[in-house]
Amino acid sequence: MKIQQFEDKGLAHYAYAVLSECEQQVILIDPARNPQPITTTPNSIMHRSSV
């Protein structure tokens, strides 16, 4: 399992992408409910899995 943290400066909170390496799936935990900054971040674990 891998966890990647993303800062949301507008909310002063963090969003998280949690990757299950054996299943190659990700769950997003995002207080802003906007996945675009997470999915467009270079080297994000989102690029190595399915959502």
N, C-alpha and C. Protein backbone atom coordinates (compact mmCIF):
# COMPACT_ATOMS: atom_id res chain seq x y z
N MET A 1 0.85 -1.16 0.00
CA MET A 1 0.00 0.00 0.00
C MET A 1 0.90 1.23 0.00
N LYS A 2 0.53 2.19 -0.84
CA LYS A 2 1.25 3.46 -0.88
C LYS A 2 0.25 4.59 -0.66
N ILE A 3 0.70 5.62 0.03
CA ILE A 3 -0.14 6.79 0.30
C ILE A 3 0.61 8.02 -0.18
N GLN A 4 -0.08 8.86 -0.94
CA GLN A 4 0.52 10.10 -1.43
C GLN A 4 -0.35 11.26 -0.96
N GLN A 5 0.30 12.27 -0.40
CA GLN A 5 -0.39 13.43 0.16
C GLN A 5 -0.31 14.60 -0.82
N PHE A 6 -1.43 15.34 -0.95
CA PHE A 6 -1.51 16.50 -1.82
C PHE A 6 -2.03 17.68 -1.00
N GLU A 7 -1.30 18.78 -1.02
CA GLU A 7 -1.73 19.96 -0.27
C GLU A 7 -2.80 20.73 -1.03
N ASP A 8 -3.87 21.09 -0.36
CA ASP A 8 -4.93 21.93 -0.92
C ASP A 8 -4.83 23.28 -0.23
N LYS A 9 -4.09 24.20 -0.84
CA LYS A 9 -3.82 25.50 -0.21
C LYS A 9 -5.09 26.32 -0.01
N GLY A 10 -6.07 26.15 -0.89
CA GLY A 10 -7.31 26.91 -0.76
C GLY A 10 -8.10 26.54 0.48
N LEU A 11 -8.02 25.30 0.91
CA LEU A 11 -8.76 24.85 2.10
C LEU A 11 -7.86 24.71 3.33
N ALA A 12 -6.57 24.82 3.14
CA ALA A 12 -5.61 24.57 4.22
C ALA A 12 -5.76 23.14 4.75
N HIS A 13 -6.03 22.21 3.86
CA HIS A 13 -6.17 20.80 4.18
C HIS A 13 -5.32 19.99 3.20
N TYR A 14 -5.32 18.70 3.41
CA TYR A 14 -4.61 17.80 2.52
C TYR A 14 -5.58 16.79 1.93
N ALA A 15 -5.29 16.39 0.71
CA ALA A 15 -6.00 15.29 0.06
C ALA A 15 -5.02 14.12 0.00
N TYR A 16 -5.56 12.91 -0.11
CA TYR A 16 -4.72 11.71 -0.12
C TYR A 16 -5.15 10.77 -1.23
N ALA A 17 -4.18 10.15 -1.86
CA ALA A 17 -4.42 9.05 -2.79
C ALA A 17 -3.81 7.81 -2.15
N VAL A 18 -4.61 6.77 -1.98
CA VAL A 18 -4.15 5.54 -1.35
C VAL A 18 -4.18 4.45 -2.42
N LEU A 19 -3.01 3.89 -2.72
CA LEU A 19 -2.86 2.88 -3.76
C LEU A 19 -2.76 1.49 -3.17
N SER A 20 -3.59 0.58 -3.65
CA SER A 20 -3.46 -0.84 -3.33
C SER A 20 -2.60 -1.44 -4.44
N GLU A 21 -1.36 -1.76 -4.11
CA GLU A 21 -0.44 -2.27 -5.14
C GLU A 21 -0.86 -3.63 -5.69
N CYS A 22 -1.42 -4.49 -4.86
CA CYS A 22 -1.82 -5.81 -5.35
C CYS A 22 -3.05 -5.71 -6.27
N GLU A 23 -3.95 -4.79 -6.01
CA GLU A 23 -5.15 -4.63 -6.84
C GLU A 23 -4.98 -3.57 -7.93
N GLN A 24 -3.93 -2.75 -7.83
CA GLN A 24 -3.69 -1.65 -8.76
C GLN A 24 -4.92 -0.72 -8.85
N GLN A 25 -5.47 -0.39 -7.68
CA GLN A 25 -6.60 0.53 -7.60
C GLN A 25 -6.28 1.61 -6.57
N VAL A 26 -6.93 2.77 -6.75
CA VAL A 26 -6.70 3.91 -5.88
C VAL A 26 -8.01 4.39 -5.29
N ILE A 27 -7.95 4.82 -4.05
CA ILE A 27 -9.07 5.52 -3.44
C ILE A 27 -8.58 6.94 -3.12
N LEU A 28 -9.42 7.93 -3.39
CA LEU A 28 -9.08 9.32 -3.11
C LEU A 28 -9.83 9.79 -1.87
N ILE A 29 -9.12 10.48 -1.00
CA ILE A 29 -9.72 11.12 0.17
C ILE A 29 -9.45 12.60 -0.02
N ASP A 30 -10.49 13.35 -0.35
CA ASP A 30 -10.31 14.73 -0.80
C ASP A 30 -11.38 15.64 -0.22
N PRO A 31 -11.03 16.48 0.77
CA PRO A 31 -12.03 17.37 1.35
C PRO A 31 -12.61 18.38 0.36
N ALA A 32 -11.87 18.72 -0.67
CA ALA A 32 -12.36 19.70 -1.65
C ALA A 32 -13.28 19.07 -2.69
N ARG A 33 -13.27 17.75 -2.78
CA ARG A 33 -14.07 17.01 -3.77
C ARG A 33 -13.72 17.41 -5.20
N ASN A 34 -12.46 17.68 -5.42
CA ASN A 34 -11.98 18.06 -6.76
C ASN A 34 -10.75 17.21 -7.07
N PRO A 35 -10.90 16.13 -7.83
CA PRO A 35 -9.75 15.25 -8.09
C PRO A 35 -8.76 15.78 -9.13
N GLN A 36 -9.07 16.86 -9.82
CA GLN A 36 -8.19 17.32 -10.89
C GLN A 36 -6.76 17.59 -10.44
N PRO A 37 -6.50 18.30 -9.34
CA PRO A 37 -5.10 18.50 -8.95
C PRO A 37 -4.36 17.20 -8.66
N ILE A 38 -5.08 16.20 -8.18
CA ILE A 38 -4.44 14.91 -7.88
C ILE A 38 -4.16 14.15 -9.17
N THR A 39 -5.10 14.13 -10.08
CA THR A 39 -4.93 13.34 -11.30
C THR A 39 -3.96 13.98 -12.29
N THR A 40 -3.69 15.26 -12.15
CA THR A 40 -2.78 15.94 -13.09
C THR A 40 -1.38 16.18 -12.51
N THR A 41 -1.13 15.76 -11.29
CA THR A 41 0.18 15.94 -10.67
C THR A 41 1.18 14.95 -11.27
N PRO A 42 2.31 15.45 -11.79
CA PRO A 42 3.33 14.54 -12.32
C PRO A 42 3.81 13.58 -11.23
N ASN A 43 4.09 12.36 -11.59
CA ASN A 43 4.57 11.31 -10.69
C ASN A 43 3.56 10.91 -9.63
N SER A 44 2.31 11.24 -9.83
CA SER A 44 1.27 10.83 -8.90
C SER A 44 1.06 9.32 -9.00
N ILE A 45 0.72 8.68 -7.88
CA ILE A 45 0.44 7.25 -7.92
C ILE A 45 -0.81 6.97 -8.73
N MET A 46 -1.58 7.99 -9.05
CA MET A 46 -2.76 7.83 -9.89
C MET A 46 -2.39 7.33 -11.28
N HIS A 47 -1.19 7.65 -11.76
CA HIS A 47 -0.78 7.27 -13.09
C HIS A 47 -0.36 5.81 -13.20
N ARG A 48 -0.27 5.13 -12.06
CA ARG A 48 0.14 3.72 -12.05
C ARG A 48 -0.99 2.78 -11.68
N SER A 49 -2.24 3.25 -11.78
CA SER A 49 -3.34 2.43 -11.31
C SER A 49 -4.64 2.82 -12.03
N SER A 50 -5.71 2.09 -11.68
CA SER A 50 -7.03 2.46 -12.16
C SER A 50 -7.80 3.05 -10.98
N VAL A 51 -8.76 3.90 -11.29
CA VAL A 51 -9.53 4.56 -10.23
C VAL A 51 -10.86 3.86 -10.11
